[in-house]
Amino acid sequence: MRRAVDFAVYVLVRIFICLVQAIRMETAEGLARFLAWLADRVFRIRRGVIEENLRCAFPDLGPGERARLARRMWEHLFLLVAEAAHAPRKIHQTNWRHYIRLGGKDVLVRLLLADRPVIIVTGHFGNFELAGVMLGLLGFPTYTVARPLDNPYLDRFVNRFRGLSGQFIIPKKGGYDQIVQVMAAGGAMTFLADQHAGDKGCWVEFFGRPASAHKAIALLSMTYNAPMVVGYCRRLDRPLQFEMRVHAVADPQQLPPEHASVPGLTQWYTSRLEEFIRQWPEQYWWLHRRWRSPPARRAKTAKKAA
C-alpha cells in the first residue's frame, strides 16, 4: 500500500510539472501571486513561525510591512517551482547568458580549476537549485549533501534531474565516506548551511539571535585546506532572470585569528549569509524554524558573556 501511494503521488507530481511547463512564465507569475494569497491569508501555512522569524529578524518593521514581506516570500516560493520546471527546457550551454548574470566568476573559476578542493556555501535563498545547474553547465560537477526524500520515486526523479546537469547528491546519513573521497580528489562540495543543527551544533549569531549550525562545514574546510565560497543565485526583476554571485571567500591559509577555528569560521559564513538575506529578504525561506532555544549550558554561557 505504501508503494502504491508513493507511486500515485509521483505520478501526480509529474502531471503537475507537465502542466506548469505548458504555461507561459508570465502566467506562472500571476498564478504564484494567487497561490501566495491562498497560502498566506486563507490557509495561513506556518503563519506563526513566519511571523515570529520576521519579527525577530526585523524588529523595526511594522505588522503591515511584515505581512507584505511574508506574502512576497510565498510568491517567490511558488515562482521558484515554476522556474525549476521550465529551466531544464530553456537554459542550455549555448544560451545561459540570456538568463543568468555571473558575478565574481573569475574568482570562482580560478578556485574550481585549482588542485585544492572547494566548499561552496549558500542557504535557502533565491533559486539555489539553479546555482548547481549553472555550475554543471560551466563544466564543474558539484556534490551536495541532502536528506533523501521519503518517496523513493520522487527521490530518484529529482536526483536524476540534478545529475543531468552535473549536480550529484550525497545522502545526509552514511555519506561521510563519499564526502571524504570528493574532498581528497579536489572536488567541489556545496552545502545549504542555514538549517538548525540541533543542541550539539555550533551555536552562532544569526540576525542577532543564537542559532545552531553544523560544525562539519568549517571542519572540512580547515582539515582539507579547502577555500570556502559563500554565494547566492537570486531572481532579478522578472522570472527566469538571475544573478549568480560570489559574495565572499575565506581561504584557510589566510584566516585572521578570529576566524581560524571551527566556531570562528562558522560564524564568518553565517554572517555572510545574513548580509545578502537582509538585502533581499523576500527571497529567503522564513518558514524554517531556524532559531530554537539553545541548551541550558549554552544559554548560561551566553548570559555570563553578556
C-alpha atoms as a PDB file:
ATOM      1  CA  MET A   1       0.000   0.000   0.000  1.00  0.00           C
ATOM      2  CA  ARG A   2       2.821   2.417   0.858  1.00  0.00           C
ATOM      3  CA  ARG A   3       4.494   1.806  -2.510  1.00  0.00           C
ATOM      4  CA  ALA A   4       1.197   2.321  -4.320  1.00  0.00           C
ATOM      5  CA  VAL A   5       0.608   5.629  -2.534  1.00  0.00           C
ATOM      6  CA  ASP A   6       4.172   6.806  -3.224  1.00  0.00           C
ATOM      7  CA  PHE A   7       3.825   5.942  -6.906  1.00  0.00           C
ATOM      8  CA  ALA A   8       0.461   7.730  -7.132  1.00  0.00           C
ATOM      9  CA  VAL A   9       1.991  10.854  -5.588  1.00  0.00           C
ATOM     10  CA  TYR A  10       4.900  10.607  -8.023  1.00  0.00           C
ATOM     11  CA  VAL A  11       2.512  10.432 -10.996  1.00  0.00           C
ATOM     12  CA  LEU A  12       0.567  13.446  -9.727  1.00  0.00           C
ATOM     13  CA  VAL A  13       3.786  15.433  -9.323  1.00  0.00           C
ATOM     14  CA  ARG A  14       4.893  14.542 -12.859  1.00  0.00           C
ATOM     15  CA  ILE A  15       1.482  15.625 -14.225  1.00  0.00           C
ATOM     16  CA  PHE A  16       1.701  18.870 -12.265  1.00  0.00           C
ATOM     17  CA  ILE A  17       5.172  19.571 -13.675  1.00  0.00           C
ATOM     18  CA  CYS A  18       3.874  18.951 -17.205  1.00  0.00           C
ATOM     19  CA  LEU A  19       1.040  21.411 -16.624  1.00  0.00           C
ATOM     20  CA  VAL A  20       3.433  24.047 -15.261  1.00  0.00           C
ATOM     21  CA  GLN A  21       5.744  23.552 -18.248  1.00  0.00           C
ATOM     22  CA  ALA A  22       2.782  24.066 -20.585  1.00  0.00           C
ATOM     23  CA  ILE A  23       2.002  27.594 -19.347  1.00  0.00           C
ATOM     24  CA  ARG A  24       3.956  30.768 -20.040  1.00  0.00           C
ATOM     25  CA  MET A  25       6.175  32.159 -17.290  1.00  0.00           C
ATOM     26  CA  GLU A  26       4.081  35.341 -17.223  1.00  0.00           C
ATOM     27  CA  THR A  27       1.033  33.199 -16.472  1.00  0.00           C
ATOM     28  CA  ALA A  28       3.001  31.333 -13.810  1.00  0.00           C
ATOM     29  CA  GLU A  29       3.911  34.665 -12.203  1.00  0.00           C
ATOM     30  CA  GLY A  30       0.233  35.621 -11.870  1.00  0.00           C
ATOM     31  CA  LEU A  31      -0.618  32.158 -10.567  1.00  0.00           C
ATOM     32  CA  ALA A  32       2.176  32.443  -7.982  1.00  0.00           C
ATOM     33  CA  ARG A  33       0.619  35.654  -6.659  1.00  0.00           C
ATOM     34  CA  PHE A  34      -2.765  33.945  -6.291  1.00  0.00           C
ATOM     35  CA  LEU A  35      -1.308  30.863  -4.594  1.00  0.00           C
ATOM     36  CA  ALA A  36       0.687  33.134  -2.267  1.00  0.00           C
ATOM     37  CA  TRP A  37      -2.549  34.802  -1.208  1.00  0.00           C
ATOM     38  CA  LEU A  38      -4.115  31.400  -0.533  1.00  0.00           C
ATOM     39  CA  ALA A  39      -1.122  30.122   1.452  1.00  0.00           C
ATOM     40  CA  ASP A  40      -0.764  33.302   3.482  1.00  0.00           C
ATOM     41  CA  ARG A  41      -4.291  34.589   4.018  1.00  0.00           C
ATOM     42  CA  VAL A  42      -6.589  31.576   3.605  1.00  0.00           C
ATOM     43  CA  PHE A  43      -4.666  28.500   4.751  1.00  0.00           C
ATOM     44  CA  ARG A  44      -2.205  30.521   6.902  1.00  0.00           C
ATOM     45  CA  ILE A  45       0.527  27.920   6.368  1.00  0.00           C
ATOM     46  CA  ARG A  46       3.192  28.177   9.089  1.00  0.00           C
ATOM     47  CA  ARG A  47       1.914  31.669   9.770  1.00  0.00           C
ATOM     48  CA  GLY A  48       3.113  31.700  13.379  1.00  0.00           C
ATOM     49  CA  VAL A  49       6.665  30.583  12.501  1.00  0.00           C
ATOM     50  CA  ILE A  50       6.979  33.121   9.670  1.00  0.00           C
ATOM     51  CA  GLU A  51       5.644  35.975  11.798  1.00  0.00           C
ATOM     52  CA  GLU A  52       7.970  35.144  14.695  1.00  0.00           C
ATOM     53  CA  ASN A  53      11.006  34.869  12.413  1.00  0.00           C
ATOM     54  CA  LEU A  54      10.300  38.184  10.689  1.00  0.00           C
ATOM     55  CA  ARG A  55       9.548  39.980  13.952  1.00  0.00           C
ATOM     56  CA  CYS A  56      12.846  38.836  15.472  1.00  0.00           C
ATOM     57  CA  ALA A  57      14.944  39.388  12.327  1.00  0.00           C
ATOM     58  CA  PHE A  58      13.453  42.809  11.515  1.00  0.00           C
ATOM     59  CA  PRO A  59      12.180  44.325  14.775  1.00  0.00           C
ATOM     60  CA  ASP A  60      11.823  47.754  13.150  1.00  0.00           C
ATOM     61  CA  LEU A  61       9.205  46.572  10.650  1.00  0.00           C
ATOM     62  CA  GLY A  62       5.562  47.179  11.473  1.00  0.00           C
ATOM     63  CA  PRO A  63       2.840  44.476  11.217  1.00  0.00           C
ATOM     64  CA  GLY A  64       1.789  45.622   7.743  1.00  0.00           C
ATOM     65  CA  GLU A  65       5.357  45.536   6.428  1.00  0.00           C
ATOM     66  CA  ARG A  66       5.909  42.055   7.853  1.00  0.00           C
ATOM     67  CA  ALA A  67       2.665  40.854   6.270  1.00  0.00           C
ATOM     68  CA  ARG A  68       3.722  42.194   2.854  1.00  0.00           C
ATOM     69  CA  LEU A  69       7.149  40.576   3.214  1.00  0.00           C
ATOM     70  CA  ALA A  70       5.560  37.218   4.106  1.00  0.00           C
ATOM     71  CA  ARG A  71       3.303  37.421   1.035  1.00  0.00           C
ATOM     72  CA  ARG A  72       6.265  38.227  -1.222  1.00  0.00           C
ATOM     73  CA  MET A  73       8.136  35.241   0.228  1.00  0.00           C
ATOM     74  CA  TRP A  74       5.265  32.939  -0.742  1.00  0.00           C
ATOM     75  CA  GLU A  75       5.194  34.443  -4.244  1.00  0.00           C
ATOM     76  CA  HIS A  76       8.909  33.728  -4.513  1.00  0.00           C
ATOM     77  CA  LEU A  77       8.480  30.095  -3.429  1.00  0.00           C
ATOM     78  CA  PHE A  78       5.685  29.330  -5.889  1.00  0.00           C
ATOM     79  CA  LEU A  79       7.515  31.087  -8.698  1.00  0.00           C
ATOM     80  CA  LEU A  80      10.634  29.065  -7.842  1.00  0.00           C
ATOM     81  CA  VAL A  81       8.670  25.855  -8.513  1.00  0.00           C
ATOM     82  CA  ALA A  82       7.642  27.128 -11.952  1.00  0.00           C
ATOM     83  CA  GLU A  83      11.211  28.172 -12.733  1.00  0.00           C
ATOM     84  CA  ALA A  84      12.534  24.764 -11.696  1.00  0.00           C
ATOM     85  CA  ALA A  85      10.073  23.139 -14.107  1.00  0.00           C
ATOM     86  CA  HIS A  86      10.952  25.445 -17.024  1.00  0.00           C
ATOM     87  CA  ALA A  87      14.721  25.801 -16.540  1.00  0.00           C
ATOM     88  CA  PRO A  88      15.838  22.380 -17.914  1.00  0.00           C
ATOM     89  CA  ARG A  89      13.950  23.003 -21.159  1.00  0.00           C
ATOM     90  CA  LYS A  90      15.042  26.607 -21.617  1.00  0.00           C
ATOM     91  CA  ILE A  91      18.517  27.094 -20.140  1.00  0.00           C
ATOM     92  CA  HIS A  92      21.333  25.330 -22.002  1.00  0.00           C
ATOM     93  CA  GLN A  93      25.073  25.630 -22.582  1.00  0.00           C
ATOM     94  CA  THR A  94      24.529  27.840 -25.635  1.00  0.00           C
ATOM     95  CA  ASN A  95      22.030  30.347 -24.198  1.00  0.00           C
ATOM     96  CA  TRP A  96      22.538  30.579 -20.427  1.00  0.00           C
ATOM     97  CA  ARG A  97      23.808  34.148 -20.755  1.00  0.00           C
ATOM     98  CA  HIS A  98      20.271  35.228 -21.666  1.00  0.00           C
ATOM     99  CA  TYR A  99      19.074  34.089 -18.248  1.00  0.00           C
ATOM    100  CA  ILE A 100      21.946  34.345 -15.774  1.00  0.00           C
ATOM    101  CA  ARG A 101      24.448  37.061 -14.901  1.00  0.00           C
ATOM    102  CA  LEU A 102      27.640  35.852 -13.262  1.00  0.00           C
ATOM    103  CA  GLY A 103      29.340  37.960 -10.607  1.00  0.00           C
ATOM    104  CA  GLY A 104      32.818  37.086  -9.350  1.00  0.00           C
ATOM    105  CA  LYS A 105      33.166  34.370 -11.976  1.00  0.00           C
ATOM    106  CA  ASP A 106      36.927  34.851 -12.311  1.00  0.00           C
ATOM    107  CA  VAL A 107      37.406  34.087  -8.617  1.00  0.00           C
ATOM    108  CA  LEU A 108      35.111  31.066  -8.711  1.00  0.00           C
ATOM    109  CA  VAL A 109      36.591  29.559 -11.878  1.00  0.00           C
ATOM    110  CA  ARG A 110      40.143  30.023 -10.599  1.00  0.00           C
ATOM    111  CA  LEU A 111      39.284  28.179  -7.387  1.00  0.00           C
ATOM    112  CA  LEU A 112      37.439  25.375  -9.184  1.00  0.00           C
ATOM    113  CA  LEU A 113      40.325  24.845 -11.589  1.00  0.00           C
ATOM    114  CA  ALA A 114      42.936  24.711  -8.811  1.00  0.00           C
ATOM    115  CA  ASP A 115      44.210  21.469  -7.290  1.00  0.00           C
ATOM    116  CA  ARG A 116      42.585  22.170  -3.937  1.00  0.00           C
ATOM    117  CA  PRO A 117      39.016  21.144  -3.052  1.00  0.00           C
ATOM    118  CA  VAL A 118      36.380  23.882  -2.750  1.00  0.00           C
ATOM    119  CA  ILE A 119      33.449  24.275  -0.385  1.00  0.00           C
ATOM    120  CA  ILE A 120      30.519  26.352  -1.664  1.00  0.00           C
ATOM    121  CA  VAL A 121      28.102  27.611   0.972  1.00  0.00           C
ATOM    122  CA  THR A 122      24.678  29.128   0.430  1.00  0.00           C
ATOM    123  CA  GLY A 123      21.247  28.989   2.045  1.00  0.00           C
ATOM    124  CA  HIS A 124      17.584  28.561   1.194  1.00  0.00           C
ATOM    125  CA  PHE A 125      17.713  31.832  -0.680  1.00  0.00           C
ATOM    126  CA  GLY A 126      16.885  32.761  -4.260  1.00  0.00           C
ATOM    127  CA  ASN A 127      16.976  29.797  -6.639  1.00  0.00           C
ATOM    128  CA  PHE A 128      19.705  27.690  -5.034  1.00  0.00           C
ATOM    129  CA  GLU A 129      18.817  24.683  -7.225  1.00  0.00           C
ATOM    130  CA  LEU A 130      19.634  26.668 -10.355  1.00  0.00           C
ATOM    131  CA  ALA A 131      23.073  27.522  -8.949  1.00  0.00           C
ATOM    132  CA  GLY A 132      24.024  23.830  -9.061  1.00  0.00           C
ATOM    133  CA  VAL A 133      22.621  23.526 -12.586  1.00  0.00           C
ATOM    134  CA  MET A 134      24.655  26.533 -13.692  1.00  0.00           C
ATOM    135  CA  LEU A 135      27.924  25.157 -12.349  1.00  0.00           C
ATOM    136  CA  GLY A 136      27.216  21.930 -14.207  1.00  0.00           C
ATOM    137  CA  LEU A 137      26.622  23.861 -17.443  1.00  0.00           C
ATOM    138  CA  LEU A 138      30.009  25.512 -16.956  1.00  0.00           C
ATOM    139  CA  GLY A 139      31.604  22.062 -16.693  1.00  0.00           C
ATOM    140  CA  PHE A 140      32.111  21.909 -12.923  1.00  0.00           C
ATOM    141  CA  PRO A 141      30.311  18.965 -11.276  1.00  0.00           C
ATOM    142  CA  THR A 142      29.336  19.534  -7.655  1.00  0.00           C
ATOM    143  CA  TYR A 143      28.319  17.281  -4.788  1.00  0.00           C
ATOM    144  CA  THR A 144      25.614  18.246  -2.319  1.00  0.00           C
ATOM    145  CA  VAL A 145      24.649  16.670   0.974  1.00  0.00           C
ATOM    146  CA  ALA A 146      20.883  16.220   1.292  1.00  0.00           C
ATOM    147  CA  ARG A 147      18.408  14.006   3.087  1.00  0.00           C
ATOM    148  CA  PRO A 148      16.741  11.553   0.665  1.00  0.00           C
ATOM    149  CA  LEU A 149      13.049  12.205   0.025  1.00  0.00           C
ATOM    150  CA  ASP A 150      10.667   9.843   1.796  1.00  0.00           C
ATOM    151  CA  ASN A 151       9.075   8.968  -1.558  1.00  0.00           C
ATOM    152  CA  PRO A 152      11.656   6.809  -3.411  1.00  0.00           C
ATOM    153  CA  TYR A 153      10.114   7.515  -6.840  1.00  0.00           C
ATOM    154  CA  LEU A 154      10.312  11.271  -6.332  1.00  0.00           C
ATOM    155  CA  ASP A 155      13.790  10.924  -4.864  1.00  0.00           C
ATOM    156  CA  ARG A 156      15.072   9.111  -7.980  1.00  0.00           C
ATOM    157  CA  PHE A 157      13.329  11.619 -10.259  1.00  0.00           C
ATOM    158  CA  VAL A 158      14.814  14.672  -8.507  1.00  0.00           C
ATOM    159  CA  ASN A 159      18.301  13.168  -8.328  1.00  0.00           C
ATOM    160  CA  ARG A 160      18.159  12.162 -11.996  1.00  0.00           C
ATOM    161  CA  PHE A 161      17.260  15.747 -12.901  1.00  0.00           C
ATOM    162  CA  ARG A 162      20.133  17.085 -10.808  1.00  0.00           C
ATOM    163  CA  GLY A 163      22.584  14.537 -12.184  1.00  0.00           C
ATOM    164  CA  LEU A 164      21.868  15.503 -15.799  1.00  0.00           C
ATOM    165  CA  SER A 165      23.292  18.951 -15.083  1.00  0.00           C
ATOM    166  CA  GLY A 166      26.297  17.682 -13.116  1.00  0.00           C
ATOM    167  CA  GLN A 167      24.946  18.070  -9.593  1.00  0.00           C
ATOM    168  CA  PHE A 168      25.201  14.898  -7.520  1.00  0.00           C
ATOM    169  CA  ILE A 169      23.582  14.151  -4.174  1.00  0.00           C
ATOM    170  CA  ILE A 170      25.323  12.527  -1.218  1.00  0.00           C
ATOM    171  CA  PRO A 171      22.905  11.174   1.402  1.00  0.00           C
ATOM    172  CA  LYS A 172      22.951  13.006   4.714  1.00  0.00           C
ATOM    173  CA  LYS A 173      23.072   9.707   6.605  1.00  0.00           C
ATOM    174  CA  GLY A 174      26.004   7.447   5.825  1.00  0.00           C
ATOM    175  CA  GLY A 175      27.567   9.730   3.242  1.00  0.00           C
ATOM    176  CA  TYR A 176      30.710  10.703   5.143  1.00  0.00           C
ATOM    177  CA  ASP A 177      32.999   8.390   3.172  1.00  0.00           C
ATOM    178  CA  GLN A 178      31.773   9.892  -0.104  1.00  0.00           C
ATOM    179  CA  ILE A 179      32.411  13.405   1.191  1.00  0.00           C
ATOM    180  CA  VAL A 180      35.955  12.418   2.125  1.00  0.00           C
ATOM    181  CA  GLN A 181      36.509  10.994  -1.372  1.00  0.00           C
ATOM    182  CA  VAL A 182      35.289  14.200  -3.025  1.00  0.00           C
ATOM    183  CA  MET A 183      37.489  16.377  -0.821  1.00  0.00           C
ATOM    184  CA  ALA A 184      40.556  14.138  -1.259  1.00  0.00           C
ATOM    185  CA  ALA A 185      40.094  14.251  -5.045  1.00  0.00           C
ATOM    186  CA  GLY A 186      39.970  18.057  -5.057  1.00  0.00           C
ATOM    187  CA  GLY A 187      36.253  18.230  -5.896  1.00  0.00           C
ATOM    188  CA  ALA A 188      33.600  20.804  -5.052  1.00  0.00           C
ATOM    189  CA  MET A 189      31.157  20.268  -2.174  1.00  0.00           C
ATOM    190  CA  THR A 190      28.103  22.507  -1.810  1.00  0.00           C
ATOM    191  CA  PHE A 191      26.112  23.000   1.387  1.00  0.00           C
ATOM    192  CA  LEU A 192      22.835  24.663   2.321  1.00  0.00           C
ATOM    193  CA  ALA A 193      24.121  25.994   5.614  1.00  0.00           C
ATOM    194  CA  ASP A 194      21.107  27.700   7.171  1.00  0.00           C
ATOM    195  CA  GLN A 195      19.215  24.912   8.922  1.00  0.00           C
ATOM    196  CA  HIS A 196      19.043  24.077  12.615  1.00  0.00           C
ATOM    197  CA  ALA A 197      21.796  21.621  13.592  1.00  0.00           C
ATOM    198  CA  GLY A 198      20.462  20.540  16.972  1.00  0.00           C
ATOM    199  CA  ASP A 199      21.677  21.165  20.506  1.00  0.00           C
ATOM    200  CA  LYS A 200      25.137  19.758  19.742  1.00  0.00           C
ATOM    201  CA  GLY A 201      25.723  22.067  16.783  1.00  0.00           C
ATOM    202  CA  CYS A 202      27.980  25.107  16.714  1.00  0.00           C
ATOM    203  CA  TRP A 203      25.997  27.990  18.204  1.00  0.00           C
ATOM    204  CA  VAL A 204      26.491  31.269  16.350  1.00  0.00           C
ATOM    205  CA  GLU A 205      24.698  34.601  15.979  1.00  0.00           C
ATOM    206  CA  PHE A 206      22.247  34.879  13.078  1.00  0.00           C
ATOM    207  CA  PHE A 207      20.197  38.076  12.858  1.00  0.00           C
ATOM    208  CA  GLY A 208      21.208  38.840  16.428  1.00  0.00           C
ATOM    209  CA  ARG A 209      19.899  35.556  17.853  1.00  0.00           C
ATOM    210  CA  PRO A 210      21.634  32.269  18.799  1.00  0.00           C
ATOM    211  CA  ALA A 211      21.334  29.688  16.040  1.00  0.00           C
ATOM    212  CA  SER A 212      22.770  26.191  15.797  1.00  0.00           C
ATOM    213  CA  ALA A 213      24.918  25.499  12.708  1.00  0.00           C
ATOM    214  CA  HIS A 214      26.632  22.323  11.517  1.00  0.00           C
ATOM    215  CA  LYS A 215      30.291  22.055  12.579  1.00  0.00           C
ATOM    216  CA  ALA A 216      31.279  19.808   9.678  1.00  0.00           C
ATOM    217  CA  ILE A 217      31.374  22.556   7.032  1.00  0.00           C
ATOM    218  CA  ALA A 218      34.071  24.624   8.722  1.00  0.00           C
ATOM    219  CA  LEU A 219      35.866  21.477   9.883  1.00  0.00           C
ATOM    220  CA  LEU A 220      36.085  20.131   6.311  1.00  0.00           C
ATOM    221  CA  SER A 221      37.407  23.470   5.055  1.00  0.00           C
ATOM    222  CA  MET A 222      40.173  23.579   7.656  1.00  0.00           C
ATOM    223  CA  THR A 223      41.017  19.849   7.503  1.00  0.00           C
ATOM    224  CA  TYR A 224      41.368  19.696   3.711  1.00  0.00           C
ATOM    225  CA  ASN A 225      42.689  23.231   3.222  1.00  0.00           C
ATOM    226  CA  ALA A 226      39.642  23.996   1.066  1.00  0.00           C
ATOM    227  CA  PRO A 227      38.706  27.617   0.275  1.00  0.00           C
ATOM    228  CA  MET A 228      35.158  28.419   1.344  1.00  0.00           C
ATOM    229  CA  VAL A 229      32.996  30.340  -1.126  1.00  0.00           C
ATOM    230  CA  VAL A 230      29.775  31.981   0.070  1.00  0.00           C
ATOM    231  CA  GLY A 231      27.452  32.880  -2.773  1.00  0.00           C
ATOM    232  CA  TYR A 232      23.888  33.141  -3.996  1.00  0.00           C
ATOM    233  CA  CYS A 233      21.659  32.904  -7.047  1.00  0.00           C
ATOM    234  CA  ARG A 234      18.885  35.491  -6.754  1.00  0.00           C
ATOM    235  CA  ARG A 235      15.996  36.365  -9.041  1.00  0.00           C
ATOM    236  CA  LEU A 236      16.174  39.756 -10.716  1.00  0.00           C
ATOM    237  CA  ASP A 237      13.200  41.833 -11.811  1.00  0.00           C
ATOM    238  CA  ARG A 238      11.362  39.081 -13.701  1.00  0.00           C
ATOM    239  CA  PRO A 239      11.068  35.275 -13.783  1.00  0.00           C
ATOM    240  CA  LEU A 240      13.951  33.208 -15.165  1.00  0.00           C
ATOM    241  CA  GLN A 241      16.348  36.132 -14.843  1.00  0.00           C
ATOM    242  CA  PHE A 242      19.030  35.602 -12.196  1.00  0.00           C
ATOM    243  CA  GLU A 243      22.228  36.935 -10.751  1.00  0.00           C
ATOM    244  CA  MET A 244      24.652  34.257  -9.543  1.00  0.00           C
ATOM    245  CA  ARG A 245      27.399  35.863  -7.494  1.00  0.00           C
ATOM    246  CA  VAL A 246      30.372  35.029  -5.297  1.00  0.00           C
ATOM    247  CA  HIS A 247      29.674  37.063  -2.170  1.00  0.00           C
ATOM    248  CA  ALA A 248      32.800  36.283  -0.116  1.00  0.00           C
ATOM    249  CA  VAL A 249      35.728  33.845   0.061  1.00  0.00           C
ATOM    250  CA  ALA A 250      37.647  32.528   3.069  1.00  0.00           C
ATOM    251  CA  ASP A 251      40.962  30.756   2.492  1.00  0.00           C
ATOM    252  CA  PRO A 252      42.074  28.517   5.413  1.00  0.00           C
ATOM    253  CA  GLN A 253      45.683  29.513   4.658  1.00  0.00           C
ATOM    254  CA  GLN A 254      44.924  33.199   5.266  1.00  0.00           C
ATOM    255  CA  LEU A 255      42.308  33.288   8.015  1.00  0.00           C
ATOM    256  CA  PRO A 256      42.557  36.061  10.615  1.00  0.00           C
ATOM    257  CA  PRO A 257      42.767  34.857  14.237  1.00  0.00           C
ATOM    258  CA  GLU A 258      39.063  35.472  14.952  1.00  0.00           C
ATOM    259  CA  HIS A 259      38.061  33.088  12.136  1.00  0.00           C
ATOM    260  CA  ALA A 260      40.822  30.473  12.474  1.00  0.00           C
ATOM    261  CA  SER A 261      38.673  27.951  14.359  1.00  0.00           C
ATOM    262  CA  VAL A 262      35.541  25.947  13.696  1.00  0.00           C
ATOM    263  CA  PRO A 263      33.296  28.358  15.681  1.00  0.00           C
ATOM    264  CA  GLY A 264      35.011  31.385  14.131  1.00  0.00           C
ATOM    265  CA  LEU A 265      34.710  30.166  10.549  1.00  0.00           C
ATOM    266  CA  THR A 266      31.125  29.020  11.140  1.00  0.00           C
ATOM    267  CA  GLN A 267      30.246  32.484  12.423  1.00  0.00           C
ATOM    268  CA  TRP A 268      32.006  34.028   9.406  1.00  0.00           C
ATOM    269  CA  TYR A 269      29.932  32.235   6.780  1.00  0.00           C
ATOM    270  CA  THR A 270      26.730  32.653   8.810  1.00  0.00           C
ATOM    271  CA  SER A 271      27.293  36.411   8.906  1.00  0.00           C
ATOM    272  CA  ARG A 272      27.921  36.463   5.145  1.00  0.00           C
ATOM    273  CA  LEU A 273      24.625  34.648   4.550  1.00  0.00           C
ATOM    274  CA  GLU A 274      22.869  37.197   6.739  1.00  0.00           C
ATOM    275  CA  GLU A 275      24.274  40.067   4.663  1.00  0.00           C
ATOM    276  CA  PHE A 276      22.579  39.158   1.414  1.00  0.00           C
ATOM    277  CA  ILE A 277      19.430  37.820   3.084  1.00  0.00           C
ATOM    278  CA  ARG A 278      18.987  41.248   4.692  1.00  0.00           C
ATOM    279  CA  GLN A 279      19.330  42.866   1.289  1.00  0.00           C
ATOM    280  CA  TRP A 280      16.659  40.717  -0.411  1.00  0.00           C
ATOM    281  CA  PRO A 281      14.630  39.197   2.465  1.00  0.00           C
ATOM    282  CA  GLU A 282      11.662  38.289   0.244  1.00  0.00           C
ATOM    283  CA  GLN A 283      13.775  35.570  -1.407  1.00  0.00           C
ATOM    284  CA  TYR A 284      14.562  33.733   1.844  1.00  0.00           C
ATOM    285  CA  TRP A 285      12.643  30.773   3.303  1.00  0.00           C
ATOM    286  CA  TRP A 286      11.311  32.323   6.525  1.00  0.00           C
ATOM    287  CA  LEU A 287       9.104  29.275   7.137  1.00  0.00           C
ATOM    288  CA  HIS A 288      12.026  27.283   8.603  1.00  0.00           C
ATOM    289  CA  ARG A 289      12.318  27.030  12.378  1.00  0.00           C
ATOM    290  CA  ARG A 290      15.877  28.324  12.182  1.00  0.00           C
ATOM    291  CA  TRP A 291      16.011  29.689  15.724  1.00  0.00           C
ATOM    292  CA  ARG A 292      15.338  27.398  18.639  1.00  0.00           C
ATOM    293  CA  SER A 293      16.155  27.640  22.311  1.00  0.00           C
ATOM    294  CA  PRO A 294      19.816  26.775  22.990  1.00  0.00           C
ATOM    295  CA  PRO A 295      20.586  24.088  25.568  1.00  0.00           C
ATOM    296  CA  ALA A 296      20.914  25.215  29.166  1.00  0.00           C
ATOM    297  CA  ARG A 297      24.732  25.162  29.116  1.00  0.00           C
ATOM    298  CA  ARG A 298      24.824  27.402  26.016  1.00  0.00           C
ATOM    299  CA  ALA A 299      22.264  29.832  27.424  1.00  0.00           C
ATOM    300  CA  LYS A 300      24.232  30.025  30.690  1.00  0.00           C
ATOM    301  CA  THR A 301      27.479  30.764  28.829  1.00  0.00           C
ATOM    302  CA  ALA A 302      25.827  33.480  26.751  1.00  0.00           C
ATOM    303  CA  LYS A 303      24.357  35.079  29.858  1.00  0.00           C
ATOM    304  CA  LYS A 304      27.791  35.208  31.539  1.00  0.00           C
ATOM    305  CA  ALA A 305      29.353  36.718  28.404  1.00  0.00           C
ATOM    306  CA  ALA A 306      26.677  39.438  28.358  1.00  0.00           C
END
